[in-house]
Amino acid sequence: MENSIFKKLIDEEEGQTAQSGKPSDWDLTVAVATVLYAAIRADTNIDSYEMNKFADIFKTHLDVNDEEVGHSLELAEQLYKSKTTYDKFCAILQTSFNAEERQQIYTAAWKIILSDNKVDPSESAFAVSLRNQLGLSMEQALYCVKALELEKEEANKK
């Protein structure tokens, strides 16, 4: 992670200067972790459904082990704690990741939001803010949510 974007963010927060670099696979993992952590915190009620969905997303979609899930969560908490860092993080995501990757991050956040089968107003507000921070159009965001609805329908048929 020496030349990663997220290392740069952490170093800037600590008043250091770091080299910038292209996003790596680990950067994408940390990006997803931080957004998912923010989604978990959106309703201020961290429950087991959300934490289980967080771990499930990481294990099945990002192919990481339990240790990496824990490390990702720790780093996400660190990045999330500073509003300035989180805002910089989202700005970097918008410019450094392609639209498909940003949609994957947005979809993962919605998976967390929907994990307890309810959407609180604070979670809706978070999703709107995240869509804007990721630079996604309304159509791209709706596509993500519709894809999740279809996925859920397919799972219910089984």
C-alpha atoms as a PDB file:
ATOM      1  CA  MET A   1       0.000   0.000   0.000  1.00  0.00           C
ATOM      2  CA  GLU A   2       3.081   2.235  -0.106  1.00  0.00           C
ATOM      3  CA  ASN A   3       1.999   4.231  -3.184  1.00  0.00           C
ATOM      4  CA  SER A   4      -1.738   3.889  -2.758  1.00  0.00           C
ATOM      5  CA  ILE A   5      -4.211   6.725  -2.845  1.00  0.00           C
ATOM      6  CA  PHE A   6      -5.404   5.789   0.632  1.00  0.00           C
ATOM      7  CA  LYS A   7      -1.893   5.864   2.056  1.00  0.00           C
ATOM      8  CA  LYS A   8      -1.683   9.380   0.652  1.00  0.00           C
ATOM      9  CA  LEU A   9      -4.938  10.318   2.383  1.00  0.00           C
ATOM     10  CA  ILE A  10      -3.762   8.974   5.725  1.00  0.00           C
ATOM     11  CA  ASP A  11      -0.390  10.688   5.380  1.00  0.00           C
ATOM     12  CA  GLU A  12      -2.037  14.006   4.468  1.00  0.00           C
ATOM     13  CA  GLU A  13      -4.259  13.702   7.525  1.00  0.00           C
ATOM     14  CA  GLU A  14      -1.115  13.270   9.600  1.00  0.00           C
ATOM     15  CA  GLY A  15       0.506  16.304   7.931  1.00  0.00           C
ATOM     16  CA  GLN A  16       2.912  14.271   5.822  1.00  0.00           C
ATOM     17  CA  THR A  17       3.413  14.263   2.087  1.00  0.00           C
ATOM     18  CA  ALA A  18       3.169  10.997   0.227  1.00  0.00           C
ATOM     19  CA  GLN A  19       3.555   9.993  -3.396  1.00  0.00           C
ATOM     20  CA  SER A  20       0.345   9.541  -5.327  1.00  0.00           C
ATOM     21  CA  GLY A  21      -0.225   6.381  -7.267  1.00  0.00           C
ATOM     22  CA  LYS A  22      -2.702   4.548  -9.385  1.00  0.00           C
ATOM     23  CA  PRO A  23      -5.461   2.766  -7.497  1.00  0.00           C
ATOM     24  CA  SER A  24      -4.569  -0.829  -6.762  1.00  0.00           C
ATOM     25  CA  ASP A  25      -6.893  -3.732  -6.018  1.00  0.00           C
ATOM     26  CA  TRP A  26      -6.274  -3.037  -2.334  1.00  0.00           C
ATOM     27  CA  ASP A  27      -7.319   0.599  -2.868  1.00  0.00           C
ATOM     28  CA  LEU A  28     -10.624  -0.589  -4.320  1.00  0.00           C
ATOM     29  CA  THR A  29     -11.043  -2.915  -1.341  1.00  0.00           C
ATOM     30  CA  VAL A  30     -10.430  -0.054   1.083  1.00  0.00           C
ATOM     31  CA  ALA A  31     -12.768   2.204  -0.910  1.00  0.00           C
ATOM     32  CA  VAL A  32     -15.546  -0.327  -0.612  1.00  0.00           C
ATOM     33  CA  ALA A  33     -14.771  -0.866   3.080  1.00  0.00           C
ATOM     34  CA  THR A  34     -14.943   2.841   3.851  1.00  0.00           C
ATOM     35  CA  VAL A  35     -18.189   3.381   1.970  1.00  0.00           C
ATOM     36  CA  LEU A  36     -19.714   0.292   3.559  1.00  0.00           C
ATOM     37  CA  TYR A  37     -18.606   1.482   6.972  1.00  0.00           C
ATOM     38  CA  ALA A  38     -20.256   4.842   6.260  1.00  0.00           C
ATOM     39  CA  ALA A  39     -23.407   2.973   5.162  1.00  0.00           C
ATOM     40  CA  ILE A  40     -23.323   0.969   8.390  1.00  0.00           C
ATOM     41  CA  ARG A  41     -23.008   4.206  10.390  1.00  0.00           C
ATOM     42  CA  ALA A  42     -25.684   6.056   8.366  1.00  0.00           C
ATOM     43  CA  ASP A  43     -28.540   5.131  10.686  1.00  0.00           C
ATOM     44  CA  THR A  44     -26.347   5.224  13.846  1.00  0.00           C
ATOM     45  CA  ASN A  45     -27.605   1.717  14.665  1.00  0.00           C
ATOM     46  CA  ILE A  46     -24.840  -0.757  13.917  1.00  0.00           C
ATOM     47  CA  ASP A  47     -26.488  -4.150  13.927  1.00  0.00           C
ATOM     48  CA  SER A  48     -25.454  -7.698  13.180  1.00  0.00           C
ATOM     49  CA  TYR A  49     -27.284  -7.718   9.812  1.00  0.00           C
ATOM     50  CA  GLU A  50     -25.114  -4.869   8.566  1.00  0.00           C
ATOM     51  CA  MET A  51     -21.880  -6.322   9.903  1.00  0.00           C
ATOM     52  CA  ASN A  52     -22.699  -9.758   8.477  1.00  0.00           C
ATOM     53  CA  LYS A  53     -23.492  -8.218   5.084  1.00  0.00           C
ATOM     54  CA  PHE A  54     -20.209  -6.290   5.227  1.00  0.00           C
ATOM     55  CA  ALA A  55     -18.274  -9.522   5.793  1.00  0.00           C
ATOM     56  CA  ASP A  56     -20.343 -11.384   3.180  1.00  0.00           C
ATOM     57  CA  ILE A  57     -19.664  -8.772   0.506  1.00  0.00           C
ATOM     58  CA  PHE A  58     -15.963  -8.899   1.198  1.00  0.00           C
ATOM     59  CA  LYS A  59     -15.729 -12.673   1.246  1.00  0.00           C
ATOM     60  CA  THR A  60     -17.872 -13.362  -1.824  1.00  0.00           C
ATOM     61  CA  HIS A  61     -17.306 -10.361  -4.073  1.00  0.00           C
ATOM     62  CA  LEU A  62     -13.801  -9.270  -3.177  1.00  0.00           C
ATOM     63  CA  ASP A  63     -12.382 -12.706  -2.340  1.00  0.00           C
ATOM     64  CA  VAL A  64     -10.754 -11.712   0.949  1.00  0.00           C
ATOM     65  CA  ASN A  65     -10.270 -13.771   4.091  1.00  0.00           C
ATOM     66  CA  ASP A  66     -11.446 -13.021   7.647  1.00  0.00           C
ATOM     67  CA  GLU A  67      -8.192 -11.298   8.570  1.00  0.00           C
ATOM     68  CA  GLU A  68      -8.393  -9.006   5.535  1.00  0.00           C
ATOM     69  CA  VAL A  69     -12.040  -8.233   6.345  1.00  0.00           C
ATOM     70  CA  GLY A  70     -11.001  -7.167   9.846  1.00  0.00           C
ATOM     71  CA  HIS A  71      -8.070  -5.115   8.553  1.00  0.00           C
ATOM     72  CA  SER A  72     -10.314  -3.442   5.952  1.00  0.00           C
ATOM     73  CA  LEU A  73     -12.828  -2.549   8.642  1.00  0.00           C
ATOM     74  CA  GLU A  74     -10.135  -1.055  10.888  1.00  0.00           C
ATOM     75  CA  LEU A  75      -8.769   1.061   8.048  1.00  0.00           C
ATOM     76  CA  ALA A  76     -12.282   2.100   7.010  1.00  0.00           C
ATOM     77  CA  GLU A  77     -13.017   3.276  10.552  1.00  0.00           C
ATOM     78  CA  GLN A  78      -9.807   5.305  10.541  1.00  0.00           C
ATOM     79  CA  LEU A  79     -10.633   6.963   7.220  1.00  0.00           C
ATOM     80  CA  TYR A  80     -14.281   7.541   8.142  1.00  0.00           C
ATOM     81  CA  LYS A  81     -13.544   9.268  11.464  1.00  0.00           C
ATOM     82  CA  SER A  82     -12.309  12.413   9.755  1.00  0.00           C
ATOM     83  CA  LYS A  83     -14.986  14.147   7.682  1.00  0.00           C
ATOM     84  CA  THR A  84     -12.235  15.962   5.774  1.00  0.00           C
ATOM     85  CA  THR A  85     -10.488  12.699   4.955  1.00  0.00           C
ATOM     86  CA  TYR A  86     -13.753  11.008   3.988  1.00  0.00           C
ATOM     87  CA  ASP A  87     -14.667  13.881   1.654  1.00  0.00           C
ATOM     88  CA  LYS A  88     -11.196  13.780   0.051  1.00  0.00           C
ATOM     89  CA  PHE A  89     -11.537  10.030  -0.226  1.00  0.00           C
ATOM     90  CA  CYS A  90     -14.836  10.342  -2.103  1.00  0.00           C
ATOM     91  CA  ALA A  91     -13.384  13.001  -4.405  1.00  0.00           C
ATOM     92  CA  ILE A  92     -10.480  10.707  -5.242  1.00  0.00           C
ATOM     93  CA  LEU A  93     -12.906   7.857  -5.909  1.00  0.00           C
ATOM     94  CA  GLN A  94     -14.822   9.998  -8.345  1.00  0.00           C
ATOM     95  CA  THR A  95     -11.727  10.832 -10.367  1.00  0.00           C
ATOM     96  CA  SER A  96      -9.682   7.655  -9.953  1.00  0.00           C
ATOM     97  CA  PHE A  97     -12.183   4.866 -10.484  1.00  0.00           C
ATOM     98  CA  ASN A  98     -14.218   4.237 -13.593  1.00  0.00           C
ATOM     99  CA  ALA A  99     -18.014   4.397 -13.648  1.00  0.00           C
ATOM    100  CA  GLU A 100     -18.416   0.627 -13.323  1.00  0.00           C
ATOM    101  CA  GLU A 101     -16.218   0.515 -10.219  1.00  0.00           C
ATOM    102  CA  ARG A 102     -18.074   3.458  -8.684  1.00  0.00           C
ATOM    103  CA  GLN A 103     -21.385   1.699  -9.389  1.00  0.00           C
ATOM    104  CA  GLN A 104     -20.045  -1.437  -7.692  1.00  0.00           C
ATOM    105  CA  ILE A 105     -19.199   0.630  -4.619  1.00  0.00           C
ATOM    106  CA  TYR A 106     -22.647   2.242  -4.661  1.00  0.00           C
ATOM    107  CA  THR A 107     -24.328  -1.152  -5.036  1.00  0.00           C
ATOM    108  CA  ALA A 108     -22.319  -2.554  -2.129  1.00  0.00           C
ATOM    109  CA  ALA A 109     -23.451   0.361   0.045  1.00  0.00           C
ATOM    110  CA  TRP A 110     -27.075  -0.360  -0.859  1.00  0.00           C
ATOM    111  CA  LYS A 111     -26.577  -3.999   0.084  1.00  0.00           C
ATOM    112  CA  ILE A 112     -25.610  -2.815   3.556  1.00  0.00           C
ATOM    113  CA  ILE A 113     -28.530  -0.375   3.731  1.00  0.00           C
ATOM    114  CA  LEU A 114     -31.018  -3.081   2.726  1.00  0.00           C
ATOM    115  CA  SER A 115     -29.532  -5.807   4.933  1.00  0.00           C
ATOM    116  CA  ASP A 116     -32.004  -5.164   7.762  1.00  0.00           C
ATOM    117  CA  ASN A 117     -34.967  -4.939   5.318  1.00  0.00           C
ATOM    118  CA  LYS A 118     -35.691  -1.299   6.097  1.00  0.00           C
ATOM    119  CA  VAL A 119     -34.415   2.024   4.845  1.00  0.00           C
ATOM    120  CA  ASP A 120     -34.231   4.801   7.410  1.00  0.00           C
ATOM    121  CA  PRO A 121     -34.367   8.456   6.289  1.00  0.00           C
ATOM    122  CA  SER A 122     -30.732   8.873   7.320  1.00  0.00           C
ATOM    123  CA  GLU A 123     -29.766   5.938   5.100  1.00  0.00           C
ATOM    124  CA  SER A 124     -31.671   7.455   2.170  1.00  0.00           C
ATOM    125  CA  ALA A 125     -29.875  10.755   2.732  1.00  0.00           C
ATOM    126  CA  PHE A 126     -26.551   8.905   2.867  1.00  0.00           C
ATOM    127  CA  ALA A 127     -27.319   7.151  -0.447  1.00  0.00           C
ATOM    128  CA  VAL A 128     -28.161  10.454  -2.149  1.00  0.00           C
ATOM    129  CA  SER A 129     -24.971  12.022  -0.804  1.00  0.00           C
ATOM    130  CA  LEU A 130     -22.891   9.029  -1.861  1.00  0.00           C
ATOM    131  CA  ARG A 131     -24.367   9.092  -5.371  1.00  0.00           C
ATOM    132  CA  ASN A 132     -23.316  12.727  -5.675  1.00  0.00           C
ATOM    133  CA  GLN A 133     -19.876  12.123  -4.145  1.00  0.00           C
ATOM    134  CA  LEU A 134     -19.233   9.254  -6.546  1.00  0.00           C
ATOM    135  CA  GLY A 135     -20.360  11.348  -9.514  1.00  0.00           C
ATOM    136  CA  LEU A 136     -23.070   8.908 -10.531  1.00  0.00           C
ATOM    137  CA  SER A 137     -26.088  10.003 -12.525  1.00  0.00           C
ATOM    138  CA  MET A 138     -29.583   9.259 -11.282  1.00  0.00           C
ATOM    139  CA  GLU A 139     -29.854   6.634 -14.032  1.00  0.00           C
ATOM    140  CA  GLN A 140     -26.671   4.885 -12.893  1.00  0.00           C
ATOM    141  CA  ALA A 141     -27.868   4.896  -9.289  1.00  0.00           C
ATOM    142  CA  LEU A 142     -31.294   3.547 -10.241  1.00  0.00           C
ATOM    143  CA  TYR A 143     -29.646   0.832 -12.302  1.00  0.00           C
ATOM    144  CA  CYS A 144     -27.736  -0.296  -9.194  1.00  0.00           C
ATOM    145  CA  VAL A 145     -30.864  -0.401  -7.041  1.00  0.00           C
ATOM    146  CA  LYS A 146     -32.897  -2.184  -9.735  1.00  0.00           C
ATOM    147  CA  ALA A 147     -30.135  -4.768 -10.141  1.00  0.00           C
ATOM    148  CA  LEU A 148     -30.300  -5.433  -6.400  1.00  0.00           C
ATOM    149  CA  GLU A 149     -34.086  -5.821  -6.571  1.00  0.00           C
ATOM    150  CA  LEU A 150     -33.716  -8.346  -9.403  1.00  0.00           C
ATOM    151  CA  GLU A 151     -31.020 -10.184  -7.472  1.00  0.00           C
ATOM    152  CA  LYS A 152     -33.319 -10.395  -4.452  1.00  0.00           C
ATOM    153  CA  GLU A 153     -36.226 -11.652  -6.596  1.00  0.00           C
ATOM    154  CA  GLU A 154     -33.997 -14.361  -8.063  1.00  0.00           C
ATOM    155  CA  ALA A 155     -32.839 -15.401  -4.598  1.00  0.00           C
ATOM    156  CA  ASN A 156     -36.444 -15.606  -3.389  1.00  0.00           C
ATOM    157  CA  LYS A 157     -37.342 -17.927  -6.310  1.00  0.00           C
ATOM    158  CA  LYS A 158     -34.763 -20.472  -5.178  1.00  0.00           C
END
